[in-house]
Amino acid sequence: MKRNLLSVLILALVLVNVALTAVMMISVTQTNKKTAALVDSIAMVLNLEIEKKEEEAPIPITDLDIYAIPDEMTILLKADETGQSHYAMVSLSIAMNTKDEDYATYQPMVSQRESLIKSEIMEAFGSYTKAEVEADSSVVSNDIKQRLQNLFGSKFITDVSFQKLVTQ
């Protein structure tokens, strides 16, 4: 009799455990769905992509046309924390993809629009301090490339490289 009573008690506790586990799983699943929806909405607001983007294939050097801006430019940089002014002396070149569909249209305009290009370069450099330029000049290079792509409304400009960059 004692064994049957003990078996019935164990069976009752097992059933209660299963019931409580089911309740816990249902509540955790609902909470997990709400958390995933919240993370998705935050990522959408911040315009983040969860999936990894595929990198563009490198353009062969035979498909690049290089336009070197002939004049060395002296550009005023953004003042640092102390308010001191600094300058950058830079000469740079623009790499253009000859296989791009817009290359034939815009390539002749590059030399004709050199003053606009220089203006974009000066604006780009003017938004960085001397320390930022010295720390990572590729940030400035990418900024100039983006500005030039926006100026021409095309992505035929693939890179901007510095032949000479001196800051003071």
Protein backbone atom coordinates (compact mmCIF):
# COMPACT_ATOMS: atom_id res chain seq x y z
CA MET A 1 0.00 0.00 0.00
CA LYS A 2 2.82 2.38 0.86
CA ARG A 3 4.48 1.65 -2.49
CA ASN A 4 1.30 2.39 -4.44
CA LEU A 5 0.77 5.64 -2.57
CA LEU A 6 4.39 6.61 -3.25
CA SER A 7 4.02 5.72 -6.95
CA VAL A 8 0.84 7.80 -7.20
CA LEU A 9 2.62 10.75 -5.53
CA ILE A 10 5.58 10.47 -7.94
CA LEU A 11 3.21 10.26 -10.91
CA ALA A 12 1.36 13.37 -9.70
CA LEU A 13 4.62 15.29 -9.30
CA VAL A 14 5.77 14.25 -12.79
CA LEU A 15 2.47 15.46 -14.27
CA VAL A 16 2.75 18.77 -12.41
CA ASN A 17 6.37 19.12 -13.64
CA VAL A 18 5.29 18.47 -17.26
CA ALA A 19 2.45 20.99 -16.95
CA LEU A 20 4.71 23.68 -15.48
CA THR A 21 7.38 23.01 -18.14
CA ALA A 22 4.74 23.44 -20.87
CA VAL A 23 3.55 26.73 -19.33
CA MET A 24 7.15 27.95 -19.09
CA MET A 25 7.93 27.02 -22.72
CA ILE A 26 4.83 28.79 -23.99
CA SER A 27 5.66 31.97 -22.08
CA VAL A 28 9.34 31.89 -23.14
CA THR A 29 8.39 31.32 -26.80
CA GLN A 30 6.03 34.29 -26.79
CA THR A 31 8.65 36.48 -25.12
CA ASN A 32 11.27 35.31 -27.62
CA LYS A 33 8.99 36.25 -30.54
CA LYS A 34 8.42 39.70 -29.05
CA THR A 35 12.18 40.19 -28.51
CA ALA A 36 12.96 39.14 -32.09
CA ALA A 37 10.32 41.56 -33.41
CA LEU A 38 11.82 44.36 -31.28
CA VAL A 39 15.34 43.66 -32.55
CA ASP A 40 14.07 43.60 -36.16
CA SER A 41 12.31 46.93 -35.74
CA ILE A 42 15.38 48.54 -34.16
CA ALA A 43 17.59 47.20 -36.96
CA MET A 44 15.13 48.57 -39.52
CA VAL A 45 15.14 51.99 -37.88
CA LEU A 46 18.91 52.07 -37.74
CA ASN A 47 19.05 50.74 -41.31
CA LEU A 48 21.33 47.89 -40.34
CA GLU A 49 21.63 44.76 -42.36
CA ILE A 50 21.90 41.57 -40.39
CA GLU A 51 23.03 39.54 -43.38
CA LYS A 52 26.58 39.92 -44.62
CA LYS A 53 26.90 41.84 -47.87
CA GLU A 54 28.89 40.32 -50.66
CA GLU A 55 31.94 42.37 -51.51
CA GLU A 56 32.29 43.66 -55.02
CA ALA A 57 34.81 41.89 -57.18
CA PRO A 58 38.02 43.88 -57.62
CA ILE A 59 38.35 45.66 -60.93
CA PRO A 60 41.33 44.51 -63.00
CA ILE A 61 44.01 47.16 -63.43
CA THR A 62 43.60 46.93 -67.20
CA ASP A 63 40.03 48.25 -66.81
CA LEU A 64 41.08 51.35 -64.86
CA ASP A 65 41.70 54.81 -66.26
CA ILE A 66 43.61 57.12 -63.93
CA TYR A 67 43.14 60.87 -63.95
CA ALA A 68 45.76 62.70 -61.89
CA ILE A 69 44.74 66.17 -60.77
CA PRO A 70 47.68 68.22 -62.01
CA ASP A 71 47.88 70.81 -59.23
CA GLU A 72 48.96 70.19 -55.67
CA MET A 73 46.27 71.53 -53.37
CA THR A 74 46.71 73.24 -50.00
CA ILE A 75 43.56 72.76 -47.95
CA LEU A 76 42.48 74.15 -44.58
CA LEU A 77 41.51 71.33 -42.22
CA LYS A 78 38.87 71.50 -39.50
CA ALA A 79 40.19 73.11 -36.31
CA ASP A 80 41.13 70.70 -33.54
CA GLU A 81 39.98 70.78 -29.90
CA THR A 82 42.39 73.60 -29.09
CA GLY A 83 41.05 75.73 -31.94
CA GLN A 84 44.35 75.63 -33.81
CA SER A 85 44.20 75.62 -37.61
CA HIS A 86 46.03 73.01 -39.68
CA TYR A 87 46.59 72.52 -43.38
CA ALA A 88 46.98 69.57 -45.71
CA MET A 89 49.01 69.58 -48.90
CA VAL A 90 47.66 66.93 -51.19
CA SER A 91 47.97 65.69 -54.74
CA LEU A 92 45.66 62.91 -55.76
CA SER A 93 44.40 60.80 -58.60
CA ILE A 94 41.00 59.43 -59.50
CA ALA A 95 40.55 55.85 -60.73
CA MET A 96 37.70 55.28 -63.18
CA ASN A 97 36.26 51.97 -64.37
CA THR A 98 36.46 51.86 -68.18
CA LYS A 99 33.92 49.00 -68.30
CA ASP A 100 31.25 51.02 -66.49
CA GLU A 101 28.29 52.03 -68.65
CA ASP A 102 28.68 55.71 -67.67
CA TYR A 103 32.42 55.90 -68.36
CA ALA A 104 32.10 57.08 -71.97
CA THR A 105 29.67 59.80 -70.95
CA TYR A 106 31.43 61.16 -67.87
CA GLN A 107 35.13 60.59 -68.53
CA PRO A 108 35.53 63.68 -70.76
CA MET A 109 33.76 65.74 -68.10
CA VAL A 110 36.33 64.89 -65.43
CA SER A 111 38.95 67.27 -66.82
CA GLN A 112 36.29 69.87 -67.74
CA ARG A 113 34.78 69.81 -64.23
CA GLU A 114 38.10 69.89 -62.41
CA SER A 115 37.15 72.99 -60.40
CA LEU A 116 34.01 71.23 -59.09
CA ILE A 117 36.07 68.16 -58.25
CA LYS A 118 38.59 70.30 -56.36
CA SER A 119 35.74 71.96 -54.49
CA GLU A 120 34.42 68.55 -53.38
CA ILE A 121 37.93 67.55 -52.30
CA MET A 122 38.33 70.75 -50.27
CA GLU A 123 34.94 70.25 -48.59
CA ALA A 124 35.80 66.66 -47.74
CA PHE A 125 39.17 67.54 -46.22
CA GLY A 126 37.63 70.52 -44.42
CA SER A 127 35.38 68.22 -42.42
CA TYR A 128 38.30 66.35 -40.81
CA THR A 129 40.88 67.41 -38.25
CA LYS A 130 44.62 66.88 -38.66
CA ALA A 131 44.53 63.98 -36.20
CA GLU A 132 41.71 62.24 -38.09
CA VAL A 133 43.52 62.60 -41.43
CA GLU A 134 46.79 61.32 -39.99
CA ALA A 135 45.09 58.43 -38.19
CA ASP A 136 43.29 57.03 -41.25
CA SER A 137 43.50 58.79 -44.59
CA SER A 138 41.38 56.05 -46.21
CA VAL A 139 38.32 57.55 -44.49
CA VAL A 140 38.96 60.83 -46.29
CA SER A 141 39.62 58.98 -49.55
CA ASN A 142 36.30 57.10 -49.27
CA ASP A 143 34.49 60.34 -48.41
CA ILE A 144 35.93 62.05 -51.50
CA LYS A 145 34.97 59.03 -53.66
CA GLN A 146 31.38 59.16 -52.35
CA ARG A 147 31.18 62.90 -52.97
CA LEU A 148 32.48 62.53 -56.52
CA GLN A 149 30.07 59.67 -57.23
CA ASN A 150 27.24 61.90 -56.01
CA LEU A 151 28.54 64.82 -58.08
CA PHE A 152 28.50 62.79 -61.29
CA GLY A 153 25.49 60.66 -60.34
CA SER A 154 27.39 57.51 -61.25
CA LYS A 155 29.67 54.92 -59.70
CA PHE A 156 32.21 54.92 -62.55
CA ILE A 157 34.71 56.49 -60.12
CA THR A 158 36.05 53.52 -58.20
CA ASP A 159 38.85 54.95 -56.08
CA VAL A 160 40.61 58.11 -55.01
CA SER A 161 44.25 57.72 -54.07
CA PHE A 162 46.73 60.16 -52.61
CA GLN A 163 50.05 60.55 -54.37
CA LYS A 164 51.21 63.00 -51.73
CA LEU A 165 49.59 63.88 -48.41
CA VAL A 166 51.33 66.16 -45.93
CA THR A 167 49.64 67.73 -42.92
CA GLN A 168 50.88 70.61 -40.83
